[in-house]
Amino acid sequence: SSGTRMISGTGGQLDFVLAGYKSRGGKSFICLPSVNINKDGSLKTRIVPTITPGGIVTDPRSVAHYIVTEWGKFSLKGMSVWQRAEGLINIAHPEVRDDLIKAAQEQGIWRRTNRQ
């Protein structure tokens, strides 16, 4: 979506994610580049602290399994909110991680002492 405007349908993504999540030994993977590169060369992170108000969500967080970027993979299954934040920050582009940490701290879901 772009704000509150739906760009395209989900194309069965939720069915795929649910089947992988619920199947014995099954896994689902959402793979994406950690950033887009704008025309001016600046980076726009794809891993964000919150979605745009009114943004459309296809997969609820309760069934998201693996998220994969060029910086690694992270399994969200069974993780607490701060563990999810930390794991997603770890697979974000290194140049945006400090901004994501700051946003998570401001939201009260991550503290530097959580990091090992």
PDB file of N, CA and C in Angstrom:
ATOM      1  N   SER A   1       0.841  -1.180   0.000  1.00  0.00           N
ATOM      2  CA  SER A   1       0.000   0.000   0.000  1.00  0.00           C
ATOM      3  C   SER A   1       0.882   1.237   0.000  1.00  0.00           C
ATOM      4  N   SER A   2       0.280   2.302  -0.420  1.00  0.00           N
ATOM      5  CA  SER A   2       0.924   3.603  -0.333  1.00  0.00           C
ATOM      6  C   SER A   2       0.010   4.450   0.532  1.00  0.00           C
ATOM      7  N   GLY A   3       0.368   4.571   1.813  1.00  0.00           N
ATOM      8  CA  GLY A   3      -0.546   5.204   2.758  1.00  0.00           C
ATOM      9  C   GLY A   3      -1.785   4.340   2.896  1.00  0.00           C
ATOM     10  N   THR A   4      -2.940   4.922   2.643  1.00  0.00           N
ATOM     11  CA  THR A   4      -4.191   4.166   2.750  1.00  0.00           C
ATOM     12  C   THR A   4      -4.644   3.606   1.405  1.00  0.00           C
ATOM     13  N   ARG A   5      -3.865   3.805   0.369  1.00  0.00           N
ATOM     14  CA  ARG A   5      -4.229   3.349  -0.975  1.00  0.00           C
ATOM     15  C   ARG A   5      -3.628   1.978  -1.264  1.00  0.00           C
ATOM     16  N   MET A   6      -4.492   1.023  -1.570  1.00  0.00           N
ATOM     17  CA  MET A   6      -4.042  -0.321  -1.920  1.00  0.00           C
ATOM     18  C   MET A   6      -3.506  -0.294  -3.345  1.00  0.00           C
ATOM     19  N   ILE A   7      -2.291  -0.803  -3.536  1.00  0.00           N
ATOM     20  CA  ILE A   7      -1.666  -0.804  -4.861  1.00  0.00           C
ATOM     21  C   ILE A   7      -2.060  -2.066  -5.633  1.00  0.00           C
ATOM     22  N   SER A   8      -2.036  -3.203  -4.958  1.00  0.00           N
ATOM     23  CA  SER A   8      -2.389  -4.469  -5.601  1.00  0.00           C
ATOM     24  C   SER A   8      -2.951  -5.408  -4.544  1.00  0.00           C
ATOM     25  N   GLY A   9      -3.457  -6.534  -4.980  1.00  0.00           N
ATOM     26  CA  GLY A   9      -3.976  -7.524  -4.043  1.00  0.00           C
ATOM     27  C   GLY A   9      -2.849  -8.286  -3.372  1.00  0.00           C
ATOM     28  N   THR A  10      -3.202  -9.134  -2.419  1.00  0.00           N
ATOM     29  CA  THR A  10      -2.188  -9.869  -1.668  1.00  0.00           C
ATOM     30  C   THR A  10      -1.690 -11.096  -2.415  1.00  0.00           C
ATOM     31  N   GLY A  11      -2.428 -11.556  -3.410  1.00  0.00           N
ATOM     32  CA  GLY A  11      -1.961 -12.662  -4.245  1.00  0.00           C
ATOM     33  C   GLY A  11      -1.719 -13.964  -3.506  1.00  0.00           C
ATOM     34  N   GLY A  12      -2.437 -14.225  -2.451  1.00  0.00           N
ATOM     35  CA  GLY A  12      -2.277 -15.477  -1.719  1.00  0.00           C
ATOM     36  C   GLY A  12      -1.165 -15.468  -0.693  1.00  0.00           C
ATOM     37  N   GLN A  13      -0.574 -14.320  -0.439  1.00  0.00           N
ATOM     38  CA  GLN A  13       0.550 -14.264   0.504  1.00  0.00           C
ATOM     39  C   GLN A  13       0.156 -14.749   1.888  1.00  0.00           C
ATOM     40  N   LEU A  14      -1.002 -14.328   2.390  1.00  0.00           N
ATOM     41  CA  LEU A  14      -1.415 -14.755   3.727  1.00  0.00           C
ATOM     42  C   LEU A  14      -1.609 -16.267   3.780  1.00  0.00           C
ATOM     43  N   ASP A  15      -2.199 -16.856   2.735  1.00  0.00           N
ATOM     44  CA  ASP A  15      -2.363 -18.314   2.697  1.00  0.00           C
ATOM     45  C   ASP A  15      -1.010 -19.010   2.766  1.00  0.00           C
ATOM     46  N   PHE A  16      -0.042 -18.507   2.016  1.00  0.00           N
ATOM     47  CA  PHE A  16       1.305 -19.079   2.006  1.00  0.00           C
ATOM     48  C   PHE A  16       1.943 -18.998   3.388  1.00  0.00           C
ATOM     49  N   VAL A  17       1.857 -17.826   4.007  1.00  0.00           N
ATOM     50  CA  VAL A  17       2.468 -17.617   5.320  1.00  0.00           C
ATOM     51  C   VAL A  17       1.798 -18.501   6.372  1.00  0.00           C
ATOM     52  N   LEU A  18       0.471 -18.552   6.362  1.00  0.00           N
ATOM     53  CA  LEU A  18      -0.249 -19.385   7.334  1.00  0.00           C
ATOM     54  C   LEU A  18       0.069 -20.862   7.155  1.00  0.00           C
ATOM     55  N   ALA A  19       0.117 -21.329   5.912  1.00  0.00           N
ATOM     56  CA  ALA A  19       0.414 -22.742   5.666  1.00  0.00           C
ATOM     57  C   ALA A  19       1.809 -23.094   6.166  1.00  0.00           C
ATOM     58  N   GLY A  20       2.777 -22.247   5.893  1.00  0.00           N
ATOM     59  CA  GLY A  20       4.132 -22.501   6.378  1.00  0.00           C
ATOM     60  C   GLY A  20       4.213 -22.469   7.888  1.00  0.00           C
ATOM     61  N   TYR A  21       3.497 -21.551   8.482  1.00  0.00           N
ATOM     62  CA  TYR A  21       3.535 -21.385   9.940  1.00  0.00           C
ATOM     63  C   TYR A  21       2.876 -22.558  10.652  1.00  0.00           C
ATOM     64  N   LYS A  22       1.756 -23.043  10.113  1.00  0.00           N
ATOM     65  CA  LYS A  22       0.979 -24.081  10.789  1.00  0.00           C
ATOM     66  C   LYS A  22       1.393 -25.507  10.435  1.00  0.00           C
ATOM     67  N   SER A  23       2.082 -25.704   9.332  1.00  0.00           N
ATOM     68  CA  SER A  23       2.472 -27.050   8.909  1.00  0.00           C
ATOM     69  C   SER A  23       3.575 -27.601   9.789  1.00  0.00           C
ATOM     70  N   ARG A  24       3.500 -28.890  10.078  1.00  0.00           N
ATOM     71  CA  ARG A  24       4.554 -29.532  10.860  1.00  0.00           C
ATOM     72  C   ARG A  24       5.867 -29.417  10.084  1.00  0.00           C
ATOM     73  N   GLY A  25       6.839 -28.758  10.676  1.00  0.00           N
ATOM     74  CA  GLY A  25       8.134 -28.559  10.027  1.00  0.00           C
ATOM     75  C   GLY A  25       8.132 -27.477   8.961  1.00  0.00           C
ATOM     76  N   GLY A  26       6.986 -26.844   8.751  1.00  0.00           N
ATOM     77  CA  GLY A  26       6.877 -25.830   7.707  1.00  0.00           C
ATOM     78  C   GLY A  26       7.494 -24.504   8.126  1.00  0.00           C
ATOM     79  N   LYS A  27       7.858 -23.727   7.149  1.00  0.00           N
ATOM     80  CA  LYS A  27       8.434 -22.402   7.381  1.00  0.00           C
ATOM     81  C   LYS A  27       7.951 -21.481   6.268  1.00  0.00           C
ATOM     82  N   SER A  28       7.787 -20.227   6.597  1.00  0.00           N
ATOM     83  CA  SER A  28       7.518 -19.240   5.554  1.00  0.00           C
ATOM     84  C   SER A  28       8.590 -18.161   5.640  1.00  0.00           C
ATOM     85  N   PHE A  29       8.944 -17.649   4.491  1.00  0.00           N
ATOM     86  CA  PHE A  29      10.000 -16.646   4.405  1.00  0.00           C
ATOM     87  C   PHE A  29       9.481 -15.417   3.664  1.00  0.00           C
ATOM     88  N   ILE A  30       9.661 -14.263   4.262  1.00  0.00           N
ATOM     89  CA  ILE A  30       9.427 -12.993   3.582  1.00  0.00           C
ATOM     90  C   ILE A  30      10.818 -12.427   3.308  1.00  0.00           C
ATOM     91  N   CYS A  31      11.159 -12.308   2.027  1.00  0.00           N
ATOM     92  CA  CYS A  31      12.504 -11.869   1.631  1.00  0.00           C
ATOM     93  C   CYS A  31      12.404 -10.492   0.967  1.00  0.00           C
ATOM     94  N   LEU A  32      13.267  -9.595   1.392  1.00  0.00           N
ATOM     95  CA  LEU A  32      13.234  -8.244   0.857  1.00  0.00           C
ATOM     96  C   LEU A  32      14.605  -7.603   0.994  1.00  0.00           C
ATOM     97  N   PRO A  33      14.913  -6.650   0.104  1.00  0.00           N
ATOM     98  CA  PRO A  33      16.136  -5.876   0.313  1.00  0.00           C
ATOM     99  C   PRO A  33      15.939  -4.982   1.532  1.00  0.00           C
ATOM    100  N   SER A  34      16.988  -4.755   2.284  1.00  0.00           N
ATOM    101  CA  SER A  34      16.864  -3.953   3.504  1.00  0.00           C
ATOM    102  C   SER A  34      16.610  -2.479   3.211  1.00  0.00           C
ATOM    103  N   VAL A  35      17.018  -2.015   2.038  1.00  0.00           N
ATOM    104  CA  VAL A  35      16.817  -0.608   1.665  1.00  0.00           C
ATOM    105  C   VAL A  35      16.445  -0.492   0.190  1.00  0.00           C
ATOM    106  N   ASN A  36      15.844   0.621  -0.140  1.00  0.00           N
ATOM    107  CA  ASN A  36      15.726   1.079  -1.521  1.00  0.00           C
ATOM    108  C   ASN A  36      16.704   2.236  -1.660  1.00  0.00           C
ATOM    109  N   ILE A  37      17.259   2.393  -2.841  1.00  0.00           N
ATOM    110  CA  ILE A  37      18.155   3.521  -3.089  1.00  0.00           C
ATOM    111  C   ILE A  37      17.381   4.557  -3.896  1.00  0.00           C
ATOM    112  N   ASN A  38      17.217   5.743  -3.315  1.00  0.00           N
ATOM    113  CA  ASN A  38      16.501   6.833  -3.977  1.00  0.00           C
ATOM    114  C   ASN A  38      17.319   7.382  -5.139  1.00  0.00           C
ATOM    115  N   LYS A  39      16.681   8.144  -6.016  1.00  0.00           N
ATOM    116  CA  LYS A  39      17.357   8.726  -7.183  1.00  0.00           C
ATOM    117  C   LYS A  39      18.559   9.567  -6.797  1.00  0.00           C
ATOM    118  N   ASP A  40      18.489  10.212  -5.623  1.00  0.00           N
ATOM    119  CA  ASP A  40      19.613  11.045  -5.182  1.00  0.00           C
ATOM    120  C   ASP A  40      20.708  10.235  -4.494  1.00  0.00           C
ATOM    121  N   GLY A  41      20.548   8.910  -4.451  1.00  0.00           N
ATOM    122  CA  GLY A  41      21.553   8.043  -3.843  1.00  0.00           C
ATOM    123  C   GLY A  41      21.349   7.775  -2.367  1.00  0.00           C
ATOM    124  N   SER A  42      20.382   8.447  -1.755  1.00  0.00           N
ATOM    125  CA  SER A  42      20.122   8.212  -0.328  1.00  0.00           C
ATOM    126  C   SER A  42      19.385   6.888  -0.130  1.00  0.00           C
ATOM    127  N   LEU A  43      19.500   6.357   1.074  1.00  0.00           N
ATOM    128  CA  LEU A  43      18.879   5.074   1.391  1.00  0.00           C
ATOM    129  C   LEU A  43      17.519   5.278   2.041  1.00  0.00           C
ATOM    130  N   LYS A  44      16.571   4.445   1.667  1.00  0.00           N
ATOM    131  CA  LYS A  44      15.262   4.415   2.328  1.00  0.00           C
ATOM    132  C   LYS A  44      15.087   3.003   2.873  1.00  0.00           C
ATOM    133  N   THR A  45      15.051   2.893   4.202  1.00  0.00           N
ATOM    134  CA  THR A  45      14.979   1.578   4.819  1.00  0.00           C
ATOM    135  C   THR A  45      13.638   0.906   4.556  1.00  0.00           C
ATOM    136  N   ARG A  46      13.666  -0.401   4.363  1.00  0.00           N
ATOM    137  CA  ARG A  46      12.444  -1.196   4.209  1.00  0.00           C
ATOM    138  C   ARG A  46      12.001  -1.764   5.545  1.00  0.00           C
ATOM    139  N   ILE A  47      12.895  -1.753   6.532  1.00  0.00           N
ATOM    140  CA  ILE A  47      12.550  -2.180   7.890  1.00  0.00           C
ATOM    141  C   ILE A  47      12.298  -0.902   8.674  1.00  0.00           C
ATOM    142  N   VAL A  48      11.060  -0.708   9.058  1.00  0.00           N
ATOM    143  CA  VAL A  48      10.647   0.553   9.670  1.00  0.00           C
ATOM    144  C   VAL A  48      10.094   0.316  11.069  1.00  0.00           C
ATOM    145  N   PRO A  49      10.159   1.340  11.931  1.00  0.00           N
ATOM    146  CA  PRO A  49       9.666   1.174  13.302  1.00  0.00           C
ATOM    147  C   PRO A  49       8.152   1.032  13.388  1.00  0.00           C
ATOM    148  N   THR A  50       7.421   1.690  12.503  1.00  0.00           N
ATOM    149  CA  THR A  50       5.958   1.590  12.464  1.00  0.00           C
ATOM    150  C   THR A  50       5.508   1.723  11.019  1.00  0.00           C
ATOM    151  N   ILE A  51       4.298   1.250  10.746  1.00  0.00           N
ATOM    152  CA  ILE A  51       3.770   1.449   9.400  1.00  0.00           C
ATOM    153  C   ILE A  51       3.096   2.811   9.330  1.00  0.00           C
ATOM    154  N   THR A  52       2.897   3.285   8.122  1.00  0.00           N
ATOM    155  CA  THR A  52       2.205   4.546   7.902  1.00  0.00           C
ATOM    156  C   THR A  52       0.788   4.432   8.456  1.00  0.00           C
ATOM    157  N   PRO A  53       0.316   5.436   9.184  1.00  0.00           N
ATOM    158  CA  PRO A  53      -1.072   5.372   9.662  1.00  0.00           C
ATOM    159  C   PRO A  53      -2.030   5.100   8.501  1.00  0.00           C
ATOM    160  N   GLY A  54      -2.886   4.113   8.679  1.00  0.00           N
ATOM    161  CA  GLY A  54      -3.815   3.715   7.625  1.00  0.00           C
ATOM    162  C   GLY A  54      -3.221   2.737   6.640  1.00  0.00           C
ATOM    163  N   GLY A  55      -1.935   2.384   6.821  1.00  0.00           N
ATOM    164  CA  GLY A  55      -1.294   1.430   5.932  1.00  0.00           C
ATOM    165  C   GLY A  55      -1.982   0.073   6.000  1.00  0.00           C
ATOM    166  N   ILE A  56      -1.934  -0.660   4.907  1.00  0.00           N
ATOM    167  CA  ILE A  56      -2.620  -1.942   4.810  1.00  0.00           C
ATOM    168  C   ILE A  56      -1.647  -3.063   5.149  1.00  0.00           C
ATOM    169  N   VAL A  57      -2.061  -3.943   6.050  1.00  0.00           N
ATOM    170  CA  VAL A  57      -1.226  -5.052   6.510  1.00  0.00           C
ATOM    171  C   VAL A  57      -1.791  -6.354   5.960  1.00  0.00           C
ATOM    172  N   THR A  58      -0.948  -7.164   5.323  1.00  0.00           N
ATOM    173  CA  THR A  58      -1.386  -8.450   4.791  1.00  0.00           C
ATOM    174  C   THR A  58      -1.182  -9.559   5.804  1.00  0.00           C
ATOM    175  N   ASP A  59      -0.006  -9.626   6.404  1.00  0.00           N
ATOM    176  CA  ASP A  59       0.330 -10.713   7.324  1.00  0.00           C
ATOM    177  C   ASP A  59       0.361 -10.199   8.750  1.00  0.00           C
ATOM    178  N   PRO A  60      -0.504 -10.729   9.626  1.00  0.00           N
ATOM    179  CA  PRO A  60      -0.435 -10.296  11.025  1.00  0.00           C
ATOM    180  C   PRO A  60       0.877 -10.738  11.668  1.00  0.00           C
ATOM    181  N   ARG A  61       1.339  -9.976  12.626  1.00  0.00           N
ATOM    182  CA  ARG A  61       2.624 -10.297  13.259  1.00  0.00           C
ATOM    183  C   ARG A  61       2.594 -11.638  13.972  1.00  0.00           C
ATOM    184  N   SER A  62       1.408 -12.106  14.335  1.00  0.00           N
ATOM    185  CA  SER A  62       1.306 -13.371  15.063  1.00  0.00           C
ATOM    186  C   SER A  62       1.641 -14.583  14.202  1.00  0.00           C
ATOM    187  N   VAL A  63       1.681 -14.434  12.879  1.00  0.00           N
ATOM    188  CA  VAL A  63       2.024 -15.566  12.018  1.00  0.00           C
ATOM    189  C   VAL A  63       3.251 -15.304  11.149  1.00  0.00           C
ATOM    190  N   ALA A  64       3.899 -14.157  11.312  1.00  0.00           N
ATOM    191  CA  ALA A  64       5.133 -13.900  10.562  1.00  0.00           C
ATOM    192  C   ALA A  64       6.208 -14.853  11.070  1.00  0.00           C
ATOM    193  N   HIS A  65       6.924 -15.504  10.178  1.00  0.00           N
ATOM    194  CA  HIS A  65       7.921 -16.488  10.592  1.00  0.00           C
ATOM    195  C   HIS A  65       9.325 -15.947  10.334  1.00  0.00           C
ATOM    196  N   TYR A  66       9.886 -16.188   9.175  1.00  0.00           N
ATOM    197  CA  TYR A  66      11.238 -15.705   8.873  1.00  0.00           C
ATOM    198  C   TYR A  66      11.176 -14.447   8.016  1.00  0.00           C
ATOM    199  N   ILE A  67      11.984 -13.471   8.390  1.00  0.00           N
ATOM    200  CA  ILE A  67      12.208 -12.285   7.568  1.00  0.00           C
ATOM    201  C   ILE A  67      13.671 -12.344   7.145  1.00  0.00           C
ATOM    202  N   VAL A  68      13.922 -12.154   5.845  1.00  0.00           N
ATOM    203  CA  VAL A  68      15.270 -12.298   5.294  1.00  0.00           C
ATOM    204  C   VAL A  68      15.643 -11.040   4.513  1.00  0.00           C
ATOM    205  N   THR A  69      16.842 -10.513   4.788  1.00  0.00           N
ATOM    206  CA  THR A  69      17.420  -9.436   3.978  1.00  0.00           C
ATOM    207  C   THR A  69      18.827  -9.875   3.587  1.00  0.00           C
ATOM    208  N   GLU A  70      19.519  -9.029   2.862  1.00  0.00           N
ATOM    209  CA  GLU A  70      20.907  -9.348   2.508  1.00  0.00           C
ATOM    210  C   GLU A  70      21.821  -9.355   3.729  1.00  0.00           C
ATOM    211  N   TRP A  71      21.312  -8.904   4.883  1.00  0.00           N
ATOM    212  CA  TRP A  71      22.109  -8.854   6.113  1.00  0.00           C
ATOM    213  C   TRP A  71      21.839 -10.031   7.040  1.00  0.00           C
ATOM    214  N   GLY A  72      20.962 -10.937   6.630  1.00  0.00           N
ATOM    215  CA  GLY A  72      20.697 -12.120   7.446  1.00  0.00           C
ATOM    216  C   GLY A  72      19.227 -12.476   7.490  1.00  0.00           C
ATOM    217  N   LYS A  73      18.912 -13.445   8.347  1.00  0.00           N
ATOM    218  CA  LYS A  73      17.521 -13.860   8.517  1.00  0.00           C
ATOM    219  C   LYS A  73      17.192 -13.856  10.001  1.00  0.00           C
ATOM    220  N   PHE A  74      15.904 -13.722  10.293  1.00  0.00           N
ATOM    221  CA  PHE A  74      15.458 -13.711  11.678  1.00  0.00           C
ATOM    222  C   PHE A  74      14.106 -14.394  11.769  1.00  0.00           C
ATOM    223  N   SER A  75      13.978 -15.325  12.705  1.00  0.00           N
ATOM    224  CA  SER A  75      12.705 -15.992  12.955  1.00  0.00           C
ATOM    225  C   SER A  75      11.964 -15.248  14.054  1.00  0.00           C
ATOM    226  N   LEU A  76      10.786 -14.748  13.728  1.00  0.00           N
ATOM    227  CA  LEU A  76       9.968 -14.008  14.684  1.00  0.00           C
ATOM    228  C   LEU A  76       9.101 -14.925  15.536  1.00  0.00           C
ATOM    229  N   LYS A  77       9.011 -16.185  15.165  1.00  0.00           N
ATOM    230  CA  LYS A  77       8.083 -17.115  15.821  1.00  0.00           C
ATOM    231  C   LYS A  77       8.383 -17.217  17.314  1.00  0.00           C
ATOM    232  N   GLY A  78       7.382 -16.913  18.124  1.00  0.00           N
ATOM    233  CA  GLY A  78       7.503 -17.042  19.571  1.00  0.00           C
ATOM    234  C   GLY A  78       8.328 -15.966  20.257  1.00  0.00           C
ATOM    235  N   MET A  79       8.716 -14.928  19.544  1.00  0.00           N
ATOM    236  CA  MET A  79       9.567 -13.886  20.125  1.00  0.00           C
ATOM    237  C   MET A  79       8.726 -12.779  20.758  1.00  0.00           C
ATOM    238  N   SER A  80       9.274 -12.175  21.809  1.00  0.00           N
ATOM    239  CA  SER A  80       8.620 -11.028  22.446  1.00  0.00           C
ATOM    240  C   SER A  80       8.778  -9.801  21.547  1.00  0.00           C
ATOM    241  N   VAL A  81       8.083  -8.743  21.884  1.00  0.00           N
ATOM    242  CA  VAL A  81       8.157  -7.519  21.081  1.00  0.00           C
ATOM    243  C   VAL A  81       9.583  -6.984  21.028  1.00  0.00           C
ATOM    244  N   TRP A  82      10.282  -6.920  22.189  1.00  0.00           N
ATOM    245  CA  TRP A  82      11.644  -6.366  22.141  1.00  0.00           C
ATOM    246  C   TRP A  82      12.583  -7.304  21.405  1.00  0.00           C
ATOM    247  N   GLN A  83      12.372  -8.633  21.492  1.00  0.00           N
ATOM    248  CA  GLN A  83      13.209  -9.570  20.741  1.00  0.00           C
ATOM    249  C   GLN A  83      12.990  -9.400  19.239  1.00  0.00           C
ATOM    250  N   ARG A  84      11.747  -9.190  18.852  1.00  0.00           N
ATOM    251  CA  ARG A  84      11.447  -8.950  17.436  1.00  0.00           C
ATOM    252  C   ARG A  84      12.126  -7.665  16.956  1.00  0.00           C
ATOM    253  N   ALA A  85      12.020  -6.610  17.759  1.00  0.00           N
ATOM    254  CA  ALA A  85      12.653  -5.340  17.387  1.00  0.00           C
ATOM    255  C   ALA A  85      14.155  -5.529  17.214  1.00  0.00           C
ATOM    256  N   GLU A  86      14.778  -6.186  18.174  1.00  0.00           N
ATOM    257  CA  GLU A  86      16.224  -6.390  18.109  1.00  0.00           C
ATOM    258  C   GLU A  86      16.613  -7.233  16.897  1.00  0.00           C
ATOM    259  N   GLY A  87      15.870  -8.310  16.645  1.00  0.00           N
ATOM    260  CA  GLY A  87      16.171  -9.176  15.508  1.00  0.00           C
ATOM    261  C   GLY A  87      16.027  -8.464  14.179  1.00  0.00           C
ATOM    262  N   LEU A  88      14.979  -7.670  14.041  1.00  0.00           N
ATOM    263  CA  LEU A  88      14.778  -6.931  12.795  1.00  0.00           C
ATOM    264  C   LEU A  88      15.833  -5.844  12.623  1.00  0.00           C
ATOM    265  N   ILE A  89      16.212  -5.196  13.702  1.00  0.00           N
ATOM    266  CA  ILE A  89      17.292  -4.204  13.637  1.00  0.00           C
ATOM    267  C   ILE A  89      18.585  -4.873  13.167  1.00  0.00           C
ATOM    268  N   ASN A  90      18.840  -6.082  13.631  1.00  0.00           N
ATOM    269  CA  ASN A  90      20.068  -6.793  13.256  1.00  0.00           C
ATOM    270  C   ASN A  90      20.136  -7.158  11.779  1.00  0.00           C
ATOM    271  N   ILE A  91      18.987  -7.272  11.098  1.00  0.00           N
ATOM    272  CA  ILE A  91      19.009  -7.596   9.663  1.00  0.00           C
ATOM    273  C   ILE A  91      18.705  -6.367   8.799  1.00  0.00           C
ATOM    274  N   ALA A  92      18.605  -5.208   9.434  1.00  0.00           N
ATOM    275  CA  ALA A  92      18.447  -3.950   8.695  1.00  0.00           C
ATOM    276  C   ALA A  92      19.808  -3.509   8.162  1.00  0.00           C
ATOM    277  N   HIS A  93      19.802  -2.590   7.227  1.00  0.00           N
ATOM    278  CA  HIS A  93      21.052  -2.047   6.691  1.00  0.00           C
ATOM    279  C   HIS A  93      21.821  -1.380   7.834  1.00  0.00           C
ATOM    280  N   PRO A  94      23.133  -1.611   7.937  1.00  0.00           N
ATOM    281  CA  PRO A  94      23.921  -1.043   9.042  1.00  0.00           C
ATOM    282  C   PRO A  94      23.799   0.475   9.186  1.00  0.00           C
ATOM    283  N   GLU A  95      23.599   1.187   8.079  1.00  0.00           N
ATOM    284  CA  GLU A  95      23.523   2.649   8.158  1.00  0.00           C
ATOM    285  C   GLU A  95      22.241   3.155   8.810  1.00  0.00           C
ATOM    286  N   VAL A  96      21.222   2.307   8.945  1.00  0.00           N
ATOM    287  CA  VAL A  96      19.957   2.769   9.544  1.00  0.00           C
ATOM    288  C   VAL A  96      19.695   2.144  10.911  1.00  0.00           C
ATOM    289  N   ARG A  97      20.559   1.259  11.353  1.00  0.00           N
ATOM    290  CA  ARG A  97      20.310   0.557  12.619  1.00  0.00           C
ATOM    291  C   ARG A  97      20.217   1.496  13.812  1.00  0.00           C
ATOM    292  N   ASP A  98      21.091   2.489  13.893  1.00  0.00           N
ATOM    293  CA  ASP A  98      21.032   3.419  15.030  1.00  0.00           C
ATOM    294  C   ASP A  98      19.704   4.172  15.066  1.00  0.00           C
ATOM    295  N   ASP A  99      19.196   4.558  13.895  1.00  0.00           N
ATOM    296  CA  ASP A  99      17.893   5.235  13.845  1.00  0.00           C
ATOM    297  C   ASP A  99      16.777   4.301  14.308  1.00  0.00           C
ATOM    298  N   LEU A 100      16.857   3.030  13.920  1.00  0.00           N
ATOM    299  CA  LEU A 100      15.840   2.062  14.345  1.00  0.00           C
ATOM    300  C   LEU A 100      15.921   1.808  15.851  1.00  0.00           C
ATOM    301  N   ILE A 101      17.134   1.749  16.378  1.00  0.00           N
ATOM    302  CA  ILE A 101      17.308   1.582  17.828  1.00  0.00           C
ATOM    303  C   ILE A 101      16.692   2.773  18.561  1.00  0.00           C
ATOM    304  N   LYS A 102      16.974   3.971  18.075  1.00  0.00           N
ATOM    305  CA  LYS A 102      16.424   5.174  18.712  1.00  0.00           C
ATOM    306  C   LYS A 102      14.895   5.144  18.702  1.00  0.00           C
ATOM    307  N   ALA A 103      14.310   4.772  17.571  1.00  0.00           N
ATOM    308  CA  ALA A 103      12.848   4.705  17.476  1.00  0.00           C
ATOM    309  C   ALA A 103      12.285   3.653  18.429  1.00  0.00           C
ATOM    310  N   ALA A 104      12.944   2.502  18.521  1.00  0.00           N
ATOM    311  CA  ALA A 104      12.482   1.445  19.430  1.00  0.00           C
ATOM    312  C   ALA A 104      12.596   1.886  20.884  1.00  0.00           C
ATOM    313  N   GLN A 105      13.653   2.619  21.208  1.00  0.00           N
ATOM    314  CA  GLN A 105      13.802   3.150  22.568  1.00  0.00           C
ATOM    315  C   GLN A 105      12.690   4.150  22.871  1.00  0.00           C
ATOM    316  N   GLU A 106      12.384   5.025  21.913  1.00  0.00           N
ATOM    317  CA  GLU A 106      11.324   6.021  22.105  1.00  0.00           C
ATOM    318  C   GLU A 106       9.962   5.363  22.289  1.00  0.00           C
ATOM    319  N   GLN A 107       9.767   4.205  21.667  1.00  0.00           N
ATOM    320  CA  GLN A 107       8.504   3.473  21.794  1.00  0.00           C
ATOM    321  C   GLN A 107       8.473   2.603  23.046  1.00  0.00           C
ATOM    322  N   GLY A 108       9.600   2.534  23.740  1.00  0.00           N
ATOM    323  CA  GLY A 108       9.669   1.745  24.965  1.00  0.00           C
ATOM    324  C   GLY A 108       9.699   0.246  24.743  1.00  0.00           C
ATOM    325  N   ILE A 109      10.150  -0.174  23.555  1.00  0.00           N
ATOM    326  CA  ILE A 109      10.182  -1.617  23.275  1.00  0.00           C
ATOM    327  C   ILE A 109      11.594  -2.179  23.172  1.00  0.00           C
ATOM    328  N   TRP A 110      12.599  -1.331  23.387  1.00  0.00           N
ATOM    329  CA  TRP A 110      13.982  -1.810  23.280  1.00  0.00           C
ATOM    330  C   TRP A 110      14.879  -0.925  24.113  1.00  0.00           C
ATOM    331  N   ARG A 111      15.767  -1.561  24.832  1.00  0.00           N
ATOM    332  CA  ARG A 111      16.779  -0.837  25.600  1.00  0.00           C
ATOM    333  C   ARG A 111      18.136  -1.418  25.245  1.00  0.00           C
ATOM    334  N   ARG A 112      19.141  -0.587  25.254  1.00  0.00           N
ATOM    335  CA  ARG A 112      20.478  -1.053  24.896  1.00  0.00           C
ATOM    336  C   ARG A 112      20.908  -2.237  25.758  1.00  0.00           C
ATOM    337  N   THR A 113      20.428  -2.327  26.993  1.00  0.00           N
ATOM    338  CA  THR A 113      20.801  -3.443  27.864  1.00  0.00           C
ATOM    339  C   THR A 113      20.243  -4.764  27.368  1.00  0.00           C
ATOM    340  N   ASN A 114      19.245  -4.743  26.480  1.00  0.00           N
ATOM    341  CA  ASN A 114      18.716  -5.976  25.912  1.00  0.00           C
ATOM    342  C   ASN A 114      19.714  -6.621  24.959  1.00  0.00           C
ATOM    343  N   ARG A 115      20.557  -5.810  24.381  1.00  0.00           N
ATOM    344  CA  ARG A 115      21.460  -6.280  23.329  1.00  0.00           C
ATOM    345  C   ARG A 115      22.620  -7.056  23.930  1.00  0.00           C
ATOM    346  N   GLN A 116      22.889  -8.204  23.359  1.00  0.00           N
ATOM    347  CA  GLN A 116      23.972  -9.055  23.871  1.00  0.00           C
ATOM    348  C   GLN A 116      25.155  -9.041  22.944  1.00  0.00           C
TER     349      GLN A 116
END
